[in-house]
Amino acid sequence: MTRVFTFPGQGSQAVGMGKALADASAAAREVFAEVDDALGQSLSQVIWEGPADALTLTANTQPALMAVSLAAIAAMKEAGVTVDNSAGFVAGHSLGEYSALAAAGSLSVADAARLLRIRGEAMQSAVPVGEGAMAAILGLELAQVEGLAVEASEVGVCDVANDNGPGQVVVSGSKAGVEKAAELAKALGARRALMLPVSAPFHCSLMQPAADRMAEALAEVTLTAPGVPLIANVHAAPISDPDEIRTHLVAQVTGRVRWRESVLWMADNGVDAAFEIGAGKVLTGLAKRIAPGIAASSISTPDDIQALN
């Protein structure tokens, strides 16, 4: 059996996430303390107690989701389950790549927390609030959405940001471009074209200032080869070289999250079980739709970890 450990991205957060892990595991508590120390704030208190609007600030959400995922990894290690002895690959959705790399030993927890704080702040400040937008296009094929994004770009920036799964593609860009794409999608017969409640247009060319900031931040951080390869968002293929990882983490700020292709790569290369580590079950649901032959489940509580053994 070849397993992949996957790590969720923005949208999976919820007040109270990770609290049961911290209550049950000293190692999990240490991860939250390490993140708090790295950021110079009690992020764990925001994670467990809210308020929700503080947790959903991008600069908090990104390190918070990483903290919960790494707390689960620490609790799993206490139970004898490690990335190196239990997984053939790691993968993460957008910010989840930082969680995946920290879990696989490429990046320290403290550095991952600081990088995600910088990333969240840089992404938030790259485009003035209200000028960018994202929309989920449901019920159309990727090629159709690529075509309408090109057409919508005549009125404003519009890029395909996420190829999440069959019939679930997200576009990102200027408000005018994305609204035009949603209008075109409906005319093409999309089941839904849903404007997303996001604070910035992630994974599009408007994020270039954030990519530049991440290039500076990543240049100052030590990266080592992960214990198992990372199936990278931008390539939908595994990478392990630290320099390539660094380049990739910059590229994914503006680049497409090729999640559907990544899961298909897993299925084609012997992965038969996927465990989503941390908050929510978004990636578990996507894996079941994309590659039903992969047994997909989530690990977010002490009971989940116990069942894994």
Protein backbone atom coordinates (compact mmCIF):
# COMPACT_ATOMS: atom_id res chain seq x y z
CA MET A 1 0.00 0.00 0.00
CA THR A 2 1.30 3.46 -0.91
CA ARG A 3 -0.17 6.29 1.11
CA VAL A 4 -0.18 10.03 0.52
CA PHE A 5 -0.66 12.52 3.34
CA THR A 6 -2.52 15.61 2.09
CA PHE A 7 -2.86 18.97 3.82
CA PRO A 8 -5.82 21.37 3.48
CA GLY A 9 -5.83 24.97 2.31
CA GLN A 10 -7.83 28.09 3.01
CA GLY A 11 -11.54 27.52 3.54
CA SER A 12 -11.12 24.51 5.85
CA GLN A 13 -10.71 26.62 9.00
CA ALA A 14 -13.19 26.56 11.88
CA VAL A 15 -13.03 27.99 15.38
CA GLY A 16 -12.11 25.17 17.78
CA MET A 17 -10.10 23.16 15.26
CA GLY A 18 -7.23 21.21 16.78
CA LYS A 19 -8.39 21.69 20.39
CA ALA A 20 -9.07 17.98 20.94
CA LEU A 21 -5.59 17.16 19.65
CA ALA A 22 -4.00 19.67 22.03
CA ASP A 23 -6.03 18.34 24.96
CA ALA A 24 -5.00 14.74 24.24
CA SER A 25 -1.38 15.12 23.12
CA ALA A 26 1.62 16.86 24.68
CA ALA A 27 3.37 16.81 21.30
CA ALA A 28 0.41 18.57 19.66
CA ARG A 29 0.42 21.21 22.41
CA GLU A 30 4.12 21.81 21.73
CA VAL A 31 3.40 22.53 18.06
CA PHE A 32 0.81 25.18 18.95
CA ALA A 33 3.25 26.72 21.47
CA GLU A 34 6.00 26.76 18.83
CA VAL A 35 3.74 28.55 16.36
CA ASP A 36 2.68 31.08 19.02
CA ASP A 37 6.35 31.75 19.85
CA ALA A 38 7.34 32.10 16.19
CA LEU A 39 4.60 34.66 15.53
CA GLY A 40 4.81 36.50 18.85
CA GLN A 41 1.08 36.13 19.47
CA SER A 42 -1.32 33.61 20.95
CA LEU A 43 -2.64 32.36 17.62
CA SER A 44 -3.74 29.18 19.38
CA GLN A 45 -6.24 31.21 21.41
CA VAL A 46 -7.70 32.65 18.18
CA ILE A 47 -7.83 29.13 16.69
CA TRP A 48 -9.66 27.62 19.65
CA GLU A 49 -11.78 30.54 20.88
CA GLY A 50 -12.19 32.87 17.92
CA PRO A 51 -13.66 35.25 17.13
CA ALA A 52 -14.31 33.79 13.68
CA ASP A 53 -13.57 37.06 11.87
CA ALA A 54 -10.08 37.11 13.43
CA LEU A 55 -9.44 33.51 12.38
CA THR A 56 -10.59 34.20 8.80
CA LEU A 57 -8.08 37.04 8.35
CA THR A 58 -5.75 35.59 5.71
CA ALA A 59 -2.65 36.38 7.77
CA ASN A 60 -4.08 34.27 10.63
CA THR A 61 -5.83 31.56 8.60
CA GLN A 62 -2.73 30.40 6.78
CA PRO A 63 -0.46 29.71 9.81
CA ALA A 64 -3.49 28.49 11.81
CA LEU A 65 -4.33 25.71 9.35
CA MET A 66 -0.66 24.73 9.23
CA ALA A 67 -0.53 24.60 13.05
CA VAL A 68 -3.50 22.23 13.22
CA SER A 69 -2.06 19.95 10.53
CA LEU A 70 1.36 19.81 12.20
CA ALA A 71 -0.23 19.22 15.61
CA ALA A 72 -1.97 16.19 14.09
CA ILE A 73 1.36 15.01 12.62
CA ALA A 74 2.99 15.39 16.05
CA ALA A 75 0.20 13.42 17.74
CA MET A 76 0.49 10.73 15.06
CA LYS A 77 4.24 10.50 15.70
CA GLU A 78 3.52 9.97 19.40
CA ALA A 79 1.35 7.05 18.33
CA GLY A 80 4.14 5.62 16.16
CA VAL A 81 2.91 6.87 12.77
CA THR A 82 5.42 9.10 10.95
CA VAL A 83 5.51 10.55 7.45
CA ASP A 84 8.70 8.65 6.63
CA ASN A 85 7.39 5.24 7.71
CA SER A 86 3.78 5.65 6.60
CA ALA A 87 3.61 7.78 3.43
CA GLY A 88 5.15 7.60 -0.02
CA PHE A 89 4.29 11.21 -0.84
CA VAL A 90 2.93 14.42 0.67
CA ALA A 91 0.78 17.05 -1.03
CA GLY A 92 -0.95 20.23 0.08
CA HIS A 93 -3.59 22.51 -1.40
CA SER A 94 -2.05 25.97 -1.82
CA LEU A 95 -0.88 26.99 1.70
CA GLY A 96 -1.13 23.27 2.57
CA GLU A 97 2.16 22.80 0.70
CA TYR A 98 3.93 24.53 3.59
CA SER A 99 2.24 22.11 6.02
CA ALA A 100 3.26 19.19 3.80
CA LEU A 101 6.88 20.32 3.63
CA ALA A 102 7.09 20.88 7.40
CA ALA A 103 5.52 17.46 8.00
CA ALA A 104 8.12 15.88 5.69
CA GLY A 105 11.01 17.64 7.44
CA SER A 106 11.90 20.09 4.66
CA LEU A 107 10.96 23.15 6.68
CA SER A 108 10.78 23.84 10.42
CA VAL A 109 7.41 24.50 12.04
CA ALA A 110 8.57 27.96 13.15
CA ASP A 111 9.78 28.89 9.66
CA ALA A 112 6.55 27.57 8.11
CA ALA A 113 4.52 29.73 10.52
CA ARG A 114 6.54 32.86 9.79
CA LEU A 115 6.47 32.27 6.03
CA LEU A 116 2.70 31.75 6.05
CA ARG A 117 2.19 34.94 8.05
CA ILE A 118 4.26 36.83 5.46
CA ARG A 119 2.43 35.04 2.64
CA GLY A 120 -0.99 35.89 4.06
CA GLU A 121 -0.10 39.54 4.58
CA ALA A 122 1.53 39.83 1.15
CA MET A 123 -1.44 38.24 -0.63
CA GLN A 124 -3.86 40.50 1.25
CA SER A 125 -1.94 43.67 0.39
CA ALA A 126 -1.21 42.80 -3.26
CA VAL A 127 -4.64 43.97 -4.44
CA PRO A 128 -6.77 46.66 -2.73
CA VAL A 129 -9.85 45.23 -1.02
CA GLY A 130 -12.82 45.16 -3.38
CA GLU A 131 -10.77 45.27 -6.60
CA GLY A 132 -10.20 41.51 -6.86
CA ALA A 133 -12.57 38.53 -6.84
CA MET A 134 -12.76 34.77 -7.23
CA ALA A 135 -15.60 32.56 -8.48
CA ALA A 136 -16.21 28.81 -8.44
CA ILE A 137 -17.53 27.53 -11.76
CA LEU A 138 -19.45 24.29 -11.23
CA GLY A 139 -20.52 21.93 -13.98
CA LEU A 140 -18.16 22.92 -16.80
CA GLU A 141 -15.01 21.19 -18.03
CA LEU A 142 -11.59 22.77 -17.48
CA ALA A 143 -11.15 23.57 -21.19
CA GLN A 144 -14.47 25.43 -21.23
CA VAL A 145 -13.48 27.53 -18.22
CA GLU A 146 -10.06 28.23 -19.74
CA GLY A 147 -11.83 29.53 -22.84
CA LEU A 148 -14.23 31.78 -21.00
CA ALA A 149 -11.40 33.12 -18.81
CA VAL A 150 -9.59 34.24 -21.97
CA GLU A 151 -12.77 35.95 -23.19
CA ALA A 152 -13.40 37.56 -19.80
CA SER A 153 -9.83 38.90 -19.76
CA GLU A 154 -10.94 41.47 -22.34
CA VAL A 155 -12.61 43.42 -19.52
CA GLY A 156 -10.15 42.63 -16.69
CA VAL A 157 -7.67 40.07 -15.43
CA CYS A 158 -9.19 36.57 -15.23
CA ASP A 159 -7.08 33.42 -14.70
CA VAL A 160 -7.91 29.83 -13.84
CA ALA A 161 -6.76 29.62 -10.22
CA ASN A 162 -7.80 26.14 -9.08
CA ASP A 163 -8.59 22.98 -11.01
CA ASN A 164 -10.03 21.27 -7.95
CA GLY A 165 -11.93 18.36 -9.44
CA PRO A 166 -14.30 17.30 -12.21
CA GLY A 167 -16.65 20.19 -12.87
CA GLN A 168 -15.16 22.36 -10.11
CA VAL A 169 -12.86 25.09 -11.41
CA VAL A 170 -12.11 28.42 -9.72
CA VAL A 171 -11.26 31.62 -11.57
CA SER A 172 -9.48 34.60 -10.04
CA GLY A 173 -8.62 38.15 -11.04
CA SER A 174 -10.10 41.62 -11.17
CA LYS A 175 -13.71 42.06 -10.06
CA ALA A 176 -14.79 42.98 -13.60
CA GLY A 177 -12.98 40.04 -15.20
CA VAL A 178 -14.30 37.46 -12.74
CA GLU A 179 -17.87 38.78 -12.87
CA LYS A 180 -17.70 38.58 -16.67
CA ALA A 181 -16.43 34.98 -16.42
CA ALA A 182 -19.32 34.06 -14.13
CA GLU A 183 -21.79 35.60 -16.59
CA LEU A 184 -20.22 33.68 -19.51
CA ALA A 185 -20.21 30.45 -17.49
CA LYS A 186 -23.94 30.69 -16.87
CA ALA A 187 -24.54 31.29 -20.57
CA LEU A 188 -22.49 28.15 -21.32
CA GLY A 189 -24.70 26.09 -19.02
CA ALA A 190 -22.69 25.99 -15.81
CA ARG A 191 -24.63 24.49 -12.93
CA ARG A 192 -23.48 27.39 -10.76
CA ALA A 193 -21.09 30.33 -10.98
CA LEU A 194 -20.56 31.25 -7.36
CA MET A 195 -18.69 34.38 -6.28
CA LEU A 196 -16.48 33.38 -3.36
CA PRO A 197 -16.26 35.29 -0.05
CA VAL A 198 -12.49 35.86 -0.25
CA SER A 199 -10.44 38.88 0.73
CA ALA A 200 -8.06 38.74 -2.26
CA PRO A 201 -7.82 37.13 -5.73
CA PHE A 202 -5.45 34.23 -5.02
CA HIS A 203 -3.47 32.29 -7.64
CA CYS A 204 -3.65 34.80 -10.46
CA SER A 205 -1.28 37.28 -12.09
CA LEU A 206 -2.43 40.09 -9.76
CA MET A 207 -0.59 38.26 -6.96
CA GLN A 208 2.83 39.03 -8.51
CA PRO A 209 3.77 41.51 -5.71
CA ALA A 210 3.10 38.73 -3.18
CA ALA A 211 5.21 36.29 -5.22
CA ASP A 212 8.07 38.80 -5.19
CA ARG A 213 7.76 39.14 -1.41
CA MET A 214 7.78 35.36 -0.98
CA ALA A 215 10.91 35.08 -3.13
CA GLU A 216 12.66 37.41 -0.67
CA ALA A 217 11.33 35.57 2.41
CA LEU A 218 12.13 32.08 1.09
CA ALA A 219 15.68 33.14 0.19
CA GLU A 220 16.33 33.64 3.91
CA VAL A 221 15.00 30.24 5.04
CA THR A 222 16.75 26.88 5.17
CA LEU A 223 15.03 24.22 3.08
CA THR A 224 16.19 20.59 3.00
CA ALA A 225 15.06 17.67 0.87
CA PRO A 226 11.78 16.31 2.31
CA GLY A 227 11.73 12.78 3.67
CA VAL A 228 9.24 11.88 0.93
CA PRO A 229 8.56 13.81 -2.31
CA LEU A 230 6.05 16.66 -2.50
CA ILE A 231 3.46 16.35 -5.29
CA ALA A 232 3.59 19.99 -6.29
CA ASN A 233 0.54 22.15 -7.11
CA VAL A 234 2.04 23.91 -10.12
CA HIS A 235 3.56 20.76 -11.68
CA ALA A 236 1.08 18.04 -10.58
CA ALA A 237 4.21 15.89 -10.19
CA PRO A 238 6.66 15.10 -7.38
CA ILE A 239 9.63 17.31 -6.47
CA SER A 240 12.30 16.89 -3.78
CA ASP A 241 15.18 19.23 -4.65
CA PRO A 242 15.28 22.15 -2.16
CA ASP A 243 16.08 24.74 -4.86
CA GLU A 244 13.20 23.47 -7.00
CA ILE A 245 10.88 23.57 -3.98
CA ARG A 246 11.87 27.17 -3.27
CA THR A 247 11.20 28.17 -6.90
CA HIS A 248 7.90 26.29 -6.84
CA LEU A 249 6.66 27.99 -3.66
CA VAL A 250 7.17 31.36 -5.35
CA ALA A 251 5.49 30.22 -8.58
CA GLN A 252 2.42 28.84 -6.80
CA VAL A 253 1.46 32.30 -5.48
CA THR A 254 0.44 33.32 -9.00
CA GLY A 255 0.16 29.83 -10.51
CA ARG A 256 -2.70 27.38 -10.87
CA VAL A 257 -3.41 24.79 -8.18
CA ARG A 258 -3.58 21.65 -10.34
CA TRP A 259 -5.26 19.51 -7.69
CA ARG A 260 -7.31 17.29 -10.00
CA GLU A 261 -4.21 16.43 -12.01
CA SER A 262 -2.22 15.86 -8.81
CA VAL A 263 -4.73 13.29 -7.56
CA LEU A 264 -4.81 11.61 -10.96
CA TRP A 265 -1.00 11.42 -10.85
CA MET A 266 -1.30 9.70 -7.47
CA ALA A 267 -3.79 7.18 -8.84
CA ASP A 268 -1.60 6.48 -11.86
CA ASN A 269 1.51 5.96 -9.72
CA GLY A 270 0.40 3.41 -7.18
CA VAL A 271 -1.16 5.56 -4.44
CA ASP A 272 -4.13 3.66 -3.03
CA ALA A 273 -4.80 5.57 0.21
CA ALA A 274 -4.97 9.31 0.94
CA PHE A 275 -5.13 10.75 4.44
CA GLU A 276 -6.09 14.41 4.83
CA ILE A 277 -4.20 15.70 7.88
CA GLY A 278 -5.72 18.58 9.84
CA ALA A 279 -8.91 20.61 9.58
CA GLY A 280 -11.90 19.70 7.45
CA LYS A 281 -12.59 17.07 4.81
CA VAL A 282 -12.45 19.08 1.57
CA LEU A 283 -9.55 17.17 0.04
CA THR A 284 -11.04 13.84 1.13
CA GLY A 285 -14.22 14.61 -0.78
CA LEU A 286 -12.29 15.74 -3.85
CA ALA A 287 -10.13 12.59 -3.86
CA LYS A 288 -13.24 10.39 -3.79
CA ARG A 289 -14.64 12.23 -6.83
CA ILE A 290 -11.40 12.40 -8.81
CA ALA A 291 -10.03 8.91 -8.15
CA PRO A 292 -12.58 6.56 -6.53
CA GLY A 293 -9.94 3.83 -6.43
CA ILE A 294 -8.01 5.75 -3.77
CA ALA A 295 -9.32 5.11 -0.24
CA ALA A 296 -9.60 8.64 1.16
CA SER A 297 -10.15 9.65 4.78
CA SER A 298 -9.36 12.52 7.14
CA ILE A 299 -7.33 12.68 10.34
CA SER A 300 -8.26 15.55 12.62
CA THR A 301 -9.02 14.03 16.05
CA PRO A 302 -7.37 11.67 18.57
CA ASP A 303 -9.95 9.03 17.60
CA ASP A 304 -8.90 9.32 13.94
CA ILE A 305 -5.28 8.75 14.95
CA GLN A 306 -6.20 5.77 17.08
CA ALA A 307 -8.12 4.26 14.14
CA LEU A 308 -5.09 4.76 11.90
CA ASN A 309 -3.19 2.30 14.03
